[in-house]
């Protein structure tokens, strides 16, 4: 089973591929961010929810916010009682 960090990194890589981007720098520029923000997401294994929704929209739902925010997704499921 993949770790949370591996899953998020895979989702970010899929988003870049879908969007025709070759680097994290290009992804950051598309989102009007510094490259260090994307590096921090990769290291943390979690993308901020607002950025995750932007990526979901830009990839036409091919990469979704639960792919990018696994902790938030699990917390939300638990809150709703859907364990």
N, C-alpha and C. Protein backbone atom coordinates (compact mmCIF):
# COMPACT_ATOMS: atom_id res chain seq x y z
N UNK A 1 0.84 -1.19 0.00
CA UNK A 1 0.00 0.00 0.00
C UNK A 1 0.88 1.25 0.00
N UNK A 2 0.49 2.22 -0.81
CA UNK A 2 1.26 3.45 -0.90
C UNK A 2 1.05 4.32 0.33
N UNK A 3 2.09 5.07 0.66
CA UNK A 3 1.95 6.04 1.75
C UNK A 3 1.19 7.26 1.24
N UNK A 4 0.72 8.04 2.18
CA UNK A 4 -0.01 9.27 1.84
C UNK A 4 0.86 10.17 0.96
N UNK A 5 2.13 10.27 1.29
CA UNK A 5 3.03 11.13 0.52
C UNK A 5 3.15 10.60 -0.91
N UNK A 6 3.31 9.29 -1.07
CA UNK A 6 3.41 8.71 -2.41
C UNK A 6 2.13 8.93 -3.21
N UNK A 7 0.99 8.79 -2.55
CA UNK A 7 -0.29 8.98 -3.24
C UNK A 7 -0.45 10.42 -3.74
N UNK A 8 -0.11 11.37 -2.88
CA UNK A 8 -0.24 12.78 -3.27
C UNK A 8 0.76 13.11 -4.37
N UNK A 9 1.99 12.61 -4.26
CA UNK A 9 2.98 12.86 -5.30
C UNK A 9 2.53 12.27 -6.63
N UNK A 10 1.95 11.09 -6.60
CA UNK A 10 1.42 10.47 -7.82
C UNK A 10 0.30 11.33 -8.41
N UNK A 11 -0.59 11.83 -7.57
CA UNK A 11 -1.69 12.67 -8.04
C UNK A 11 -1.16 13.96 -8.66
N UNK A 12 -0.15 14.57 -8.03
CA UNK A 12 0.44 15.79 -8.60
C UNK A 12 1.11 15.49 -9.94
N UNK A 13 1.78 14.36 -10.04
CA UNK A 13 2.41 13.97 -11.30
C UNK A 13 1.36 13.72 -12.39
N UNK A 14 0.24 13.09 -12.02
CA UNK A 14 -0.85 12.87 -12.99
C UNK A 14 -1.41 14.21 -13.46
N UNK A 15 -1.59 15.15 -12.52
CA UNK A 15 -2.11 16.47 -12.89
C UNK A 15 -1.17 17.15 -13.88
N UNK A 16 0.13 17.09 -13.61
CA UNK A 16 1.09 17.70 -14.53
C UNK A 16 1.01 17.05 -15.91
N UNK A 17 0.90 15.73 -15.94
CA UNK A 17 0.81 15.02 -17.22
C UNK A 17 -0.45 15.44 -17.98
N UNK A 18 -1.57 15.46 -17.30
CA UNK A 18 -2.85 15.83 -17.93
C UNK A 18 -2.80 17.26 -18.47
N UNK A 19 -2.14 18.13 -17.73
CA UNK A 19 -2.07 19.54 -18.10
C UNK A 19 -0.93 19.85 -19.07
N UNK A 20 -0.15 18.84 -19.40
CA UNK A 20 0.96 19.04 -20.33
C UNK A 20 2.12 19.83 -19.73
N UNK A 21 2.28 19.70 -18.42
CA UNK A 21 3.35 20.41 -17.73
C UNK A 21 4.50 19.45 -17.46
N UNK A 22 5.72 19.97 -17.53
CA UNK A 22 6.88 19.10 -17.36
C UNK A 22 7.54 19.23 -16.00
N UNK A 23 7.16 20.24 -15.23
CA UNK A 23 7.87 20.45 -13.97
C UNK A 23 6.92 20.99 -12.90
N UNK A 24 7.37 20.84 -11.65
CA UNK A 24 6.63 21.44 -10.54
C UNK A 24 6.62 22.96 -10.67
N UNK A 25 7.68 23.51 -11.23
CA UNK A 25 7.73 24.96 -11.43
C UNK A 25 6.60 25.41 -12.34
N UNK A 26 6.35 24.67 -13.42
CA UNK A 26 5.27 25.02 -14.33
C UNK A 26 3.91 24.91 -13.64
N UNK A 27 3.75 23.87 -12.82
CA UNK A 27 2.50 23.73 -12.07
C UNK A 27 2.32 24.91 -11.13
N UNK A 28 3.39 25.27 -10.44
CA UNK A 28 3.33 26.41 -9.52
C UNK A 28 2.97 27.69 -10.27
N UNK A 29 3.59 27.92 -11.41
CA UNK A 29 3.30 29.14 -12.19
C UNK A 29 1.85 29.16 -12.64
N UNK A 30 1.32 28.00 -13.04
CA UNK A 30 -0.07 27.92 -13.47
C UNK A 30 -1.02 28.33 -12.33
N UNK A 31 -0.62 27.97 -11.09
CA UNK A 31 -1.44 28.27 -9.92
C UNK A 31 -1.05 29.60 -9.26
N UNK A 32 -0.13 30.33 -9.90
CA UNK A 32 0.35 31.62 -9.40
C UNK A 32 1.01 31.47 -8.02
N UNK A 33 1.90 30.48 -7.93
CA UNK A 33 2.60 30.18 -6.69
C UNK A 33 4.10 30.08 -6.94
N UNK A 34 4.84 30.02 -5.86
CA UNK A 34 6.26 29.72 -5.94
C UNK A 34 6.44 28.20 -5.99
N UNK A 35 7.50 27.76 -6.64
CA UNK A 35 7.80 26.32 -6.75
C UNK A 35 7.91 25.67 -5.37
N UNK A 36 8.38 26.42 -4.39
CA UNK A 36 8.56 25.88 -3.04
C UNK A 36 7.24 25.42 -2.43
N UNK A 37 6.14 26.04 -2.83
CA UNK A 37 4.83 25.60 -2.33
C UNK A 37 4.53 24.17 -2.76
N UNK A 38 4.78 23.88 -4.03
CA UNK A 38 4.53 22.53 -4.54
C UNK A 38 5.47 21.54 -3.85
N UNK A 39 6.72 21.94 -3.66
CA UNK A 39 7.68 21.06 -2.96
C UNK A 39 7.21 20.77 -1.54
N UNK A 40 6.64 21.76 -0.87
CA UNK A 40 6.13 21.57 0.49
C UNK A 40 4.94 20.61 0.49
N UNK A 41 4.06 20.71 -0.51
CA UNK A 41 2.93 19.79 -0.60
C UNK A 41 3.43 18.36 -0.76
N UNK A 42 4.43 18.20 -1.60
CA UNK A 42 4.99 16.86 -1.83
C UNK A 42 5.58 16.30 -0.54
N UNK A 43 6.31 17.13 0.18
CA UNK A 43 6.96 16.67 1.42
C UNK A 43 5.93 16.35 2.50
N UNK A 44 4.86 17.14 2.56
CA UNK A 44 3.83 16.99 3.59
C UNK A 44 2.81 15.90 3.24
N UNK A 45 2.66 15.64 1.93
CA UNK A 45 1.66 14.66 1.51
C UNK A 45 0.25 15.20 1.60
N UNK A 46 0.11 16.49 1.40
CA UNK A 46 -1.21 17.13 1.51
C UNK A 46 -1.17 18.46 0.75
N UNK A 47 -2.16 18.69 -0.09
CA UNK A 47 -2.30 19.94 -0.82
C UNK A 47 -3.39 20.74 -0.12
N UNK A 48 -3.22 22.06 0.06
CA UNK A 48 -4.30 22.84 0.65
C UNK A 48 -5.60 22.66 -0.16
N UNK A 49 -6.69 22.60 0.55
CA UNK A 49 -7.99 22.29 -0.09
C UNK A 49 -8.31 23.24 -1.24
N UNK A 50 -8.06 24.52 -1.08
CA UNK A 50 -8.39 25.47 -2.14
C UNK A 50 -7.57 25.19 -3.40
N UNK A 51 -6.32 24.83 -3.23
CA UNK A 51 -5.46 24.51 -4.37
C UNK A 51 -5.86 23.17 -4.98
N UNK A 52 -6.25 22.23 -4.14
CA UNK A 52 -6.70 20.93 -4.63
C UNK A 52 -7.93 21.09 -5.52
N UNK A 53 -8.84 21.97 -5.11
CA UNK A 53 -10.04 22.21 -5.93
C UNK A 53 -9.67 22.86 -7.26
N UNK A 54 -8.68 23.76 -7.25
CA UNK A 54 -8.22 24.36 -8.51
C UNK A 54 -7.66 23.29 -9.44
N UNK A 55 -6.85 22.40 -8.89
CA UNK A 55 -6.26 21.34 -9.70
C UNK A 55 -7.35 20.41 -10.22
N UNK A 56 -8.32 20.08 -9.37
CA UNK A 56 -9.43 19.23 -9.82
C UNK A 56 -10.16 19.88 -10.99
N UNK A 57 -10.45 21.16 -10.88
CA UNK A 57 -11.14 21.88 -11.94
C UNK A 57 -10.31 21.89 -13.23
N UNK A 58 -9.01 22.21 -13.09
CA UNK A 58 -8.14 22.30 -14.27
C UNK A 58 -7.94 20.96 -14.96
N UNK A 59 -8.02 19.87 -14.21
CA UNK A 59 -7.85 18.54 -14.82
C UNK A 59 -9.20 17.91 -15.20
N UNK A 60 -10.24 18.71 -15.13
CA UNK A 60 -11.59 18.24 -15.48
C UNK A 60 -11.95 16.99 -14.68
N UNK A 61 -11.68 17.04 -13.38
CA UNK A 61 -12.00 15.99 -12.41
C UNK A 61 -11.19 14.70 -12.57
N UNK A 62 -10.14 14.73 -13.37
CA UNK A 62 -9.29 13.53 -13.50
C UNK A 62 -8.44 13.33 -12.25
N UNK A 63 -8.04 14.43 -11.63
CA UNK A 63 -7.36 14.40 -10.33
C UNK A 63 -8.29 15.14 -9.38
N UNK A 64 -8.74 14.47 -8.34
CA UNK A 64 -9.76 15.04 -7.46
C UNK A 64 -9.17 15.50 -6.14
N UNK A 65 -9.96 16.30 -5.43
CA UNK A 65 -9.46 16.82 -4.14
C UNK A 65 -9.16 15.69 -3.15
N UNK A 66 -9.93 14.58 -3.11
CA UNK A 66 -9.53 13.51 -2.19
C UNK A 66 -8.17 12.90 -2.53
N UNK A 67 -7.80 12.91 -3.82
CA UNK A 67 -6.47 12.43 -4.21
C UNK A 67 -5.38 13.32 -3.63
N UNK A 68 -5.67 14.60 -3.54
CA UNK A 68 -4.68 15.59 -3.13
C UNK A 68 -4.74 15.95 -1.65
N UNK A 69 -5.87 15.68 -1.00
CA UNK A 69 -6.08 16.00 0.42
C UNK A 69 -6.55 14.75 1.16
N UNK A 70 -5.72 13.72 1.23
CA UNK A 70 -6.20 12.47 1.83
C UNK A 70 -6.59 12.61 3.29
N UNK A 71 -5.91 13.41 4.05
CA UNK A 71 -6.25 13.59 5.47
C UNK A 71 -7.61 14.26 5.61
N UNK A 72 -7.82 15.32 4.85
CA UNK A 72 -9.11 16.02 4.89
C UNK A 72 -10.23 15.09 4.46
N UNK A 73 -9.99 14.28 3.45
CA UNK A 73 -11.00 13.35 2.98
C UNK A 73 -11.36 12.32 4.06
N UNK A 74 -10.36 11.74 4.71
CA UNK A 74 -10.62 10.77 5.78
C UNK A 74 -11.33 11.43 6.95
N UNK A 75 -10.89 12.62 7.33
CA UNK A 75 -11.54 13.34 8.43
C UNK A 75 -13.00 13.64 8.10
N UNK A 76 -13.27 14.00 6.86
CA UNK A 76 -14.64 14.31 6.45
C UNK A 76 -15.49 13.05 6.47
N UNK A 77 -14.95 11.94 5.96
CA UNK A 77 -15.69 10.68 6.01
C UNK A 77 -16.00 10.28 7.45
N UNK A 78 -15.03 10.42 8.32
CA UNK A 78 -15.22 10.06 9.73
C UNK A 78 -16.27 10.97 10.38
N UNK A 79 -16.24 12.23 10.06
CA UNK A 79 -17.20 13.18 10.61
C UNK A 79 -18.62 12.81 10.20
N UNK A 80 -18.75 12.32 8.98
CA UNK A 80 -20.07 11.95 8.46
C UNK A 80 -20.47 10.52 8.86
N UNK A 81 -19.57 9.83 9.53
CA UNK A 81 -19.88 8.48 9.97
C UNK A 81 -19.71 7.42 8.90
N UNK A 82 -19.01 7.76 7.83
CA UNK A 82 -18.78 6.81 6.72
C UNK A 82 -17.39 6.22 6.83
N UNK A 83 -17.14 5.53 7.90
CA UNK A 83 -15.79 5.00 8.12
C UNK A 83 -15.56 3.88 7.24
